[in-house]
Amino acid sequence: WANGYNKHYGLFYVDFDTQKRYVKK
């Protein structure tokens, strides 16, 4: 809401340009 796209929380990384998912450790 207040941080846009630079604050990552997910178990899965999202490339917001391609929407491709990548696994995090």
PDB file of all heavy atoms in Angstrom:
ATOM      1  N   TRP A   1       0.812  -1.225   0.000  1.00  0.00           N
ATOM      2  CA  TRP A   1       0.000   0.000   0.000  1.00  0.00           C
ATOM      3  C   TRP A   1       0.843   1.273   0.000  1.00  0.00           C
ATOM      4  O   TRP A   1       0.596   2.181  -0.786  1.00  0.00           O
ATOM      5  CB  TRP A   1      -0.903   0.022   1.239  1.00  0.00           C
ATOM      6  CG  TRP A   1      -1.617  -1.248   1.496  1.00  0.00           C
ATOM      7  CD1 TRP A   1      -1.219  -2.250   2.341  1.00  0.00           C
ATOM      8  CD2 TRP A   1      -2.850  -1.691   0.910  1.00  0.00           C
ATOM      9  NE1 TRP A   1      -2.148  -3.282   2.321  1.00  0.00           N
ATOM     10  CE2 TRP A   1      -3.158  -2.956   1.457  1.00  0.00           C
ATOM     11  CE3 TRP A   1      -3.736  -1.119  -0.011  1.00  0.00           C
ATOM     12  CZ2 TRP A   1      -4.304  -3.663   1.111  1.00  0.00           C
ATOM     13  CZ3 TRP A   1      -4.881  -1.817  -0.352  1.00  0.00           C
ATOM     14  CH2 TRP A   1      -5.154  -3.071   0.199  1.00  0.00           C
ATOM     15  N   ALA A   2       1.789   1.338   0.909  1.00  0.00           N
ATOM     16  CA  ALA A   2       2.551   2.574   1.095  1.00  0.00           C
ATOM     17  C   ALA A   2       4.015   2.438   0.682  1.00  0.00           C
ATOM     18  O   ALA A   2       4.787   3.382   0.834  1.00  0.00           O
ATOM     19  CB  ALA A   2       2.470   3.010   2.564  1.00  0.00           C
ATOM     20  N   ASN A   3       4.385   1.262   0.175  1.00  0.00           N
ATOM     21  CA  ASN A   3       5.779   1.025  -0.203  1.00  0.00           C
ATOM     22  C   ASN A   3       5.952   0.628  -1.670  1.00  0.00           C
ATOM     23  O   ASN A   3       7.072   0.510  -2.142  1.00  0.00           O
ATOM     24  CB  ASN A   3       6.377  -0.091   0.661  1.00  0.00           C
ATOM     25  CG  ASN A   3       6.349   0.245   2.135  1.00  0.00           C
ATOM     26  OD1 ASN A   3       7.195   0.958   2.644  1.00  0.00           O
ATOM     27  ND2 ASN A   3       5.342  -0.268   2.834  1.00  0.00           N
ATOM     28  N   GLY A   4       4.861   0.384  -2.358  1.00  0.00           N
ATOM     29  CA  GLY A   4       4.981  -0.013  -3.751  1.00  0.00           C
ATOM     30  C   GLY A   4       5.527  -1.418  -3.907  1.00  0.00           C
ATOM     31  O   GLY A   4       5.045  -2.357  -3.278  1.00  0.00           O
ATOM     32  N   TYR A   5       6.585  -1.543  -4.705  1.00  0.00           N
ATOM     33  CA  TYR A   5       7.084  -2.868  -5.072  1.00  0.00           C
ATOM     34  C   TYR A   5       8.495  -3.168  -4.543  1.00  0.00           C
ATOM     35  O   TYR A   5       9.078  -4.187  -4.890  1.00  0.00           O
ATOM     36  CB  TYR A   5       7.080  -3.010  -6.597  1.00  0.00           C
ATOM     37  CG  TYR A   5       5.684  -3.064  -7.174  1.00  0.00           C
ATOM     38  CD1 TYR A   5       5.063  -1.911  -7.654  1.00  0.00           C
ATOM     39  CD2 TYR A   5       4.974  -4.254  -7.230  1.00  0.00           C
ATOM     40  CE1 TYR A   5       3.780  -1.956  -8.174  1.00  0.00           C
ATOM     41  CE2 TYR A   5       3.688  -4.315  -7.755  1.00  0.00           C
ATOM     42  CZ  TYR A   5       3.101  -3.163  -8.229  1.00  0.00           C
ATOM     43  OH  TYR A   5       1.829  -3.215  -8.736  1.00  0.00           O
ATOM     44  N   ASN A   6       9.020  -2.291  -3.696  1.00  0.00           N
ATOM     45  CA  ASN A   6      10.414  -2.506  -3.268  1.00  0.00           C
ATOM     46  C   ASN A   6      10.530  -3.281  -1.964  1.00  0.00           C
ATOM     47  O   ASN A   6      11.622  -3.608  -1.521  1.00  0.00           O
ATOM     48  CB  ASN A   6      11.146  -1.160  -3.123  1.00  0.00           C
ATOM     49  CG  ASN A   6      10.664  -0.356  -1.924  1.00  0.00           C
ATOM     50  OD1 ASN A   6       9.532  -0.519  -1.477  1.00  0.00           O
ATOM     51  ND2 ASN A   6      11.516   0.522  -1.428  1.00  0.00           N
ATOM     52  N   LYS A   7       9.403  -3.591  -1.346  1.00  0.00           N
ATOM     53  CA  LYS A   7       9.424  -4.288  -0.061  1.00  0.00           C
ATOM     54  C   LYS A   7       8.931  -5.709  -0.277  1.00  0.00           C
ATOM     55  O   LYS A   7       7.746  -5.945  -0.476  1.00  0.00           O
ATOM     56  CB  LYS A   7       8.529  -3.558   0.946  1.00  0.00           C
ATOM     57  CG  LYS A   7       8.692  -4.023   2.391  1.00  0.00           C
ATOM     58  CD  LYS A   7       7.822  -3.181   3.321  1.00  0.00           C
ATOM     59  CE  LYS A   7       8.120  -3.476   4.776  1.00  0.00           C
ATOM     60  NZ  LYS A   7       7.268  -2.704   5.707  1.00  0.00           N
ATOM     61  N   HIS A   8       9.851  -6.669  -0.257  1.00  0.00           N
ATOM     62  CA  HIS A   8       9.521  -8.059  -0.553  1.00  0.00           C
ATOM     63  C   HIS A   8       9.240  -8.825   0.742  1.00  0.00           C
ATOM     64  O   HIS A   8       9.987  -8.728   1.705  1.00  0.00           O
ATOM     65  CB  HIS A   8      10.690  -8.732  -1.291  1.00  0.00           C
ATOM     66  CG  HIS A   8      10.951  -8.154  -2.643  1.00  0.00           C
ATOM     67  ND1 HIS A   8      10.609  -8.786  -3.811  1.00  0.00           N
ATOM     68  CD2 HIS A   8      11.519  -6.979  -3.023  1.00  0.00           C
ATOM     69  CE1 HIS A   8      10.959  -8.044  -4.850  1.00  0.00           C
ATOM     70  NE2 HIS A   8      11.508  -6.938  -4.387  1.00  0.00           N
ATOM     71  N   TYR A   9       8.163  -9.603   0.719  1.00  0.00           N
ATOM     72  CA  TYR A   9       7.788 -10.438   1.861  1.00  0.00           C
ATOM     73  C   TYR A   9       7.632 -11.906   1.492  1.00  0.00           C
ATOM     74  O   TYR A   9       7.523 -12.752   2.363  1.00  0.00           O
ATOM     75  CB  TYR A   9       6.444  -9.972   2.438  1.00  0.00           C
ATOM     76  CG  TYR A   9       6.502  -8.860   3.452  1.00  0.00           C
ATOM     77  CD1 TYR A   9       6.208  -7.548   3.093  1.00  0.00           C
ATOM     78  CD2 TYR A   9       6.820  -9.112   4.783  1.00  0.00           C
ATOM     79  CE1 TYR A   9       6.233  -6.527   4.032  1.00  0.00           C
ATOM     80  CE2 TYR A   9       6.839  -8.100   5.726  1.00  0.00           C
ATOM     81  CZ  TYR A   9       6.543  -6.802   5.343  1.00  0.00           C
ATOM     82  OH  TYR A   9       6.564  -5.792   6.276  1.00  0.00           O
ATOM     83  N   GLY A  10       7.545 -12.229   0.208  1.00  0.00           N
ATOM     84  CA  GLY A  10       7.051 -13.523  -0.216  1.00  0.00           C
ATOM     85  C   GLY A  10       8.000 -14.687  -0.043  1.00  0.00           C
ATOM     86  O   GLY A  10       9.224 -14.528   0.009  1.00  0.00           O
ATOM     87  N   LEU A  11       7.401 -15.890   0.008  1.00  0.00           N
ATOM     88  CA  LEU A  11       8.171 -17.123  -0.131  1.00  0.00           C
ATOM     89  C   LEU A  11       8.619 -17.301  -1.578  1.00  0.00           C
ATOM     90  O   LEU A  11       9.615 -17.963  -1.843  1.00  0.00           O
ATOM     91  CB  LEU A  11       7.327 -18.334   0.285  1.00  0.00           C
ATOM     92  CG  LEU A  11       6.847 -18.417   1.732  1.00  0.00           C
ATOM     93  CD1 LEU A  11       5.980 -19.656   1.915  1.00  0.00           C
ATOM     94  CD2 LEU A  11       8.021 -18.430   2.700  1.00  0.00           C
ATOM     95  N   PHE A  12       7.855 -16.689  -2.487  1.00  0.00           N
ATOM     96  CA  PHE A  12       8.162 -16.781  -3.912  1.00  0.00           C
ATOM     97  C   PHE A  12       8.405 -15.379  -4.455  1.00  0.00           C
ATOM     98  O   PHE A  12       7.611 -14.468  -4.251  1.00  0.00           O
ATOM     99  CB  PHE A  12       7.013 -17.462  -4.668  1.00  0.00           C
ATOM    100  CG  PHE A  12       6.674 -18.801  -4.101  1.00  0.00           C
ATOM    101  CD1 PHE A  12       5.513 -18.986  -3.370  1.00  0.00           C
ATOM    102  CD2 PHE A  12       7.532 -19.880  -4.255  1.00  0.00           C
ATOM    103  CE1 PHE A  12       5.206 -20.219  -2.822  1.00  0.00           C
ATOM    104  CE2 PHE A  12       7.244 -21.111  -3.706  1.00  0.00           C
ATOM    105  CZ  PHE A  12       6.077 -21.286  -2.985  1.00  0.00           C
ATOM    106  N   TYR A  13       9.519 -15.250  -5.139  1.00  0.00           N
ATOM    107  CA  TYR A  13       9.906 -13.971  -5.734  1.00  0.00           C
ATOM    108  C   TYR A  13       9.101 -13.752  -7.004  1.00  0.00           C
ATOM    109  O   TYR A  13       8.925 -14.662  -7.812  1.00  0.00           O
ATOM    110  CB  TYR A  13      11.401 -14.004  -6.053  1.00  0.00           C
ATOM    111  CG  TYR A  13      11.979 -12.727  -6.612  1.00  0.00           C
ATOM    112  CD1 TYR A  13      12.568 -11.791  -5.772  1.00  0.00           C
ATOM    113  CD2 TYR A  13      11.965 -12.461  -7.980  1.00  0.00           C
ATOM    114  CE1 TYR A  13      13.125 -10.624  -6.270  1.00  0.00           C
ATOM    115  CE2 TYR A  13      12.515 -11.301  -8.494  1.00  0.00           C
ATOM    116  CZ  TYR A  13      13.092 -10.384  -7.633  1.00  0.00           C
ATOM    117  OH  TYR A  13      13.634  -9.231  -8.134  1.00  0.00           O
ATOM    118  N   VAL A  14       8.600 -12.523  -7.169  1.00  0.00           N
ATOM    119  CA  VAL A  14       7.864 -12.181  -8.384  1.00  0.00           C
ATOM    120  C   VAL A  14       8.648 -11.124  -9.155  1.00  0.00           C
ATOM    121  O   VAL A  14       8.973 -10.063  -8.616  1.00  0.00           O
ATOM    122  CB  VAL A  14       6.454 -11.646  -8.054  1.00  0.00           C
ATOM    123  CG1 VAL A  14       5.740 -11.211  -9.332  1.00  0.00           C
ATOM    124  CG2 VAL A  14       5.630 -12.714  -7.335  1.00  0.00           C
ATOM    125  N   ASP A  15       8.978 -11.444 -10.408  1.00  0.00           N
ATOM    126  CA  ASP A  15       9.508 -10.443 -11.329  1.00  0.00           C
ATOM    127  C   ASP A  15       8.297  -9.676 -11.850  1.00  0.00           C
ATOM    128  O   ASP A  15       7.532 -10.191 -12.667  1.00  0.00           O
ATOM    129  CB  ASP A  15      10.257 -11.122 -12.471  1.00  0.00           C
ATOM    130  CG  ASP A  15      10.853 -10.117 -13.448  1.00  0.00           C
ATOM    131  OD1 ASP A  15      10.271  -9.025 -13.633  1.00  0.00           O
ATOM    132  OD2 ASP A  15      11.896 -10.432 -14.057  1.00  0.00           O
ATOM    133  N   PHE A  16       8.083  -8.459 -11.365  1.00  0.00           N
ATOM    134  CA  PHE A  16       6.852  -7.749 -11.668  1.00  0.00           C
ATOM    135  C   PHE A  16       6.757  -7.320 -13.135  1.00  0.00           C
ATOM    136  O   PHE A  16       5.668  -6.991 -13.610  1.00  0.00           O
ATOM    137  CB  PHE A  16       6.689  -6.544 -10.737  1.00  0.00           C
ATOM    138  CG  PHE A  16       6.446  -6.938  -9.306  1.00  0.00           C
ATOM    139  CD1 PHE A  16       7.433  -6.776  -8.342  1.00  0.00           C
ATOM    140  CD2 PHE A  16       5.235  -7.493  -8.916  1.00  0.00           C
ATOM    141  CE1 PHE A  16       7.214  -7.148  -7.029  1.00  0.00           C
ATOM    142  CE2 PHE A  16       5.002  -7.873  -7.603  1.00  0.00           C
ATOM    143  CZ  PHE A  16       5.990  -7.692  -6.654  1.00  0.00           C
ATOM    144  N   ASP A  17       7.875  -7.336 -13.855  1.00  0.00           N
ATOM    145  CA  ASP A  17       7.835  -7.028 -15.286  1.00  0.00           C
ATOM    146  C   ASP A  17       7.332  -8.203 -16.106  1.00  0.00           C
ATOM    147  O   ASP A  17       6.570  -8.034 -17.062  1.00  0.00           O
ATOM    148  CB  ASP A  17       9.227  -6.611 -15.783  1.00  0.00           C
ATOM    149  CG  ASP A  17       9.676  -5.283 -15.189  1.00  0.00           C
ATOM    150  OD1 ASP A  17       8.797  -4.419 -14.958  1.00  0.00           O
ATOM    151  OD2 ASP A  17      10.879  -5.112 -14.955  1.00  0.00           O
ATOM    152  N   THR A  18       7.747  -9.402 -15.725  1.00  0.00           N
ATOM    153  CA  THR A  18       7.364 -10.604 -16.483  1.00  0.00           C
ATOM    154  C   THR A  18       6.308 -11.438 -15.769  1.00  0.00           C
ATOM    155  O   THR A  18       5.706 -12.313 -16.374  1.00  0.00           O
ATOM    156  CB  THR A  18       8.591 -11.489 -16.733  1.00  0.00           C
ATOM    157  OG1 THR A  18       9.053 -12.001 -15.463  1.00  0.00           O
ATOM    158  CG2 THR A  18       9.708 -10.704 -17.407  1.00  0.00           C
ATOM    159  N   GLN A  19       6.116 -11.188 -14.469  1.00  0.00           N
ATOM    160  CA  GLN A  19       5.224 -11.963 -13.600  1.00  0.00           C
ATOM    161  C   GLN A  19       5.707 -13.401 -13.376  1.00  0.00           C
ATOM    162  O   GLN A  19       4.968 -14.233 -12.860  1.00  0.00           O
ATOM    163  CB  GLN A  19       3.782 -11.970 -14.137  1.00  0.00           C
ATOM    164  CG  GLN A  19       3.070 -10.645 -13.975  1.00  0.00           C
ATOM    165  CD  GLN A  19       2.937 -10.206 -12.527  1.00  0.00           C
ATOM    166  OE1 GLN A  19       2.688 -11.005 -11.647  1.00  0.00           O
ATOM    167  NE2 GLN A  19       3.116  -8.921 -12.280  1.00  0.00           N
ATOM    168  N   LYS A  20       6.938 -13.657 -13.713  1.00  0.00           N
ATOM    169  CA  LYS A  20       7.472 -14.995 -13.473  1.00  0.00           C
ATOM    170  C   LYS A  20       7.762 -15.171 -11.987  1.00  0.00           C
ATOM    171  O   LYS A  20       8.228 -14.249 -11.310  1.00  0.00           O
ATOM    172  CB  LYS A  20       8.733 -15.230 -14.297  1.00  0.00           C
ATOM    173  CG  LYS A  20       9.213 -16.674 -14.255  1.00  0.00           C
ATOM    174  CD  LYS A  20      10.262 -16.951 -15.315  1.00  0.00           C
ATOM    175  CE  LYS A  20      10.693 -18.417 -15.258  1.00  0.00           C
ATOM    176  NZ  LYS A  20      11.716 -18.735 -16.274  1.00  0.00           N
ATOM    177  N   ARG A  21       7.490 -16.372 -11.471  1.00  0.00           N
ATOM    178  CA  ARG A  21       7.728 -16.715 -10.079  1.00  0.00           C
ATOM    179  C   ARG A  21       9.061 -17.456  -9.946  1.00  0.00           C
ATOM    180  O   ARG A  21       9.393 -18.295 -10.795  1.00  0.00           O
ATOM    181  CB  ARG A  21       6.620 -17.623  -9.537  1.00  0.00           C
ATOM    182  CG  ARG A  21       5.394 -16.932  -8.990  1.00  0.00           C
ATOM    183  CD  ARG A  21       4.624 -16.109  -9.950  1.00  0.00           C
ATOM    184  NE  ARG A  21       3.319 -15.727  -9.381  1.00  0.00           N
ATOM    185  CZ  ARG A  21       2.659 -14.645  -9.709  1.00  0.00           C
ATOM    186  NH1 ARG A  21       3.134 -13.814 -10.631  1.00  0.00           N
ATOM    187  NH2 ARG A  21       1.484 -14.376  -9.144  1.00  0.00           N
ATOM    188  N   TYR A  22       9.779 -17.155  -8.864  1.00  0.00           N
ATOM    189  CA  TYR A  22      11.021 -17.850  -8.560  1.00  0.00           C
ATOM    190  C   TYR A  22      10.995 -18.277  -7.094  1.00  0.00           C
ATOM    191  O   TYR A  22      10.485 -17.568  -6.228  1.00  0.00           O
ATOM    192  CB  TYR A  22      12.229 -16.942  -8.809  1.00  0.00           C
ATOM    193  CG  TYR A  22      12.378 -16.503 -10.245  1.00  0.00           C
ATOM    194  CD1 TYR A  22      11.829 -15.307 -10.681  1.00  0.00           C
ATOM    195  CD2 TYR A  22      13.058 -17.297 -11.171  1.00  0.00           C
ATOM    196  CE1 TYR A  22      11.951 -14.895 -11.997  1.00  0.00           C
ATOM    197  CE2 TYR A  22      13.189 -16.900 -12.497  1.00  0.00           C
ATOM    198  CZ  TYR A  22      12.635 -15.693 -12.900  1.00  0.00           C
ATOM    199  OH  TYR A  22      12.752 -15.287 -14.209  1.00  0.00           O
ATOM    200  N   VAL A  23      11.583 -19.412  -6.833  1.00  0.00           N
ATOM    201  CA  VAL A  23      11.583 -19.971  -5.478  1.00  0.00           C
ATOM    202  C   VAL A  23      12.673 -19.301  -4.638  1.00  0.00           C
ATOM    203  O   VAL A  23      13.798 -19.114  -5.091  1.00  0.00           O
ATOM    204  CB  VAL A  23      11.808 -21.494  -5.532  1.00  0.00           C
ATOM    205  CG1 VAL A  23      11.947 -22.075  -4.131  1.00  0.00           C
ATOM    206  CG2 VAL A  23      10.655 -22.165  -6.274  1.00  0.00           C
ATOM    207  N   LYS A  24      12.319 -18.962  -3.413  1.00  0.00           N
ATOM    208  CA  LYS A  24      13.300 -18.474  -2.453  1.00  0.00           C
ATOM    209  C   LYS A  24      13.683 -19.612  -1.504  1.00  0.00           C
ATOM    210  O   LYS A  24      12.945 -20.583  -1.350  1.00  0.00           O
ATOM    211  CB  LYS A  24      12.727 -17.309  -1.644  1.00  0.00           C
ATOM    212  CG  LYS A  24      12.333 -16.097  -2.470  1.00  0.00           C
ATOM    213  CD  LYS A  24      11.817 -14.973  -1.577  1.00  0.00           C
ATOM    214  CE  LYS A  24      11.212 -13.860  -2.398  1.00  0.00           C
ATOM    215  NZ  LYS A  24      10.665 -12.766  -1.549  1.00  0.00           N
ATOM    216  N   LYS A  25      14.817 -19.451  -0.865  1.00  0.00           N
ATOM    217  CA  LYS A  25      15.268 -20.468   0.073  1.00  0.00           C
ATOM    218  C   LYS A  25      14.258 -20.642   1.207  1.00  0.00           C
ATOM    219  O   LYS A  25      14.088 -21.749   1.741  1.00  0.00           O
ATOM    220  CB  LYS A  25      16.637 -20.100   0.637  1.00  0.00           C
ATOM    221  CG  LYS A  25      17.313 -21.241   1.380  1.00  0.00           C
ATOM    222  CD  LYS A  25      18.778 -20.949   1.664  1.00  0.00           C
ATOM    223  CE  LYS A  25      19.442 -22.148   2.325  1.00  0.00           C
ATOM    224  NZ  LYS A  25      20.878 -21.867   2.627  1.00  0.00           N
TER     225      LYS A  25
END
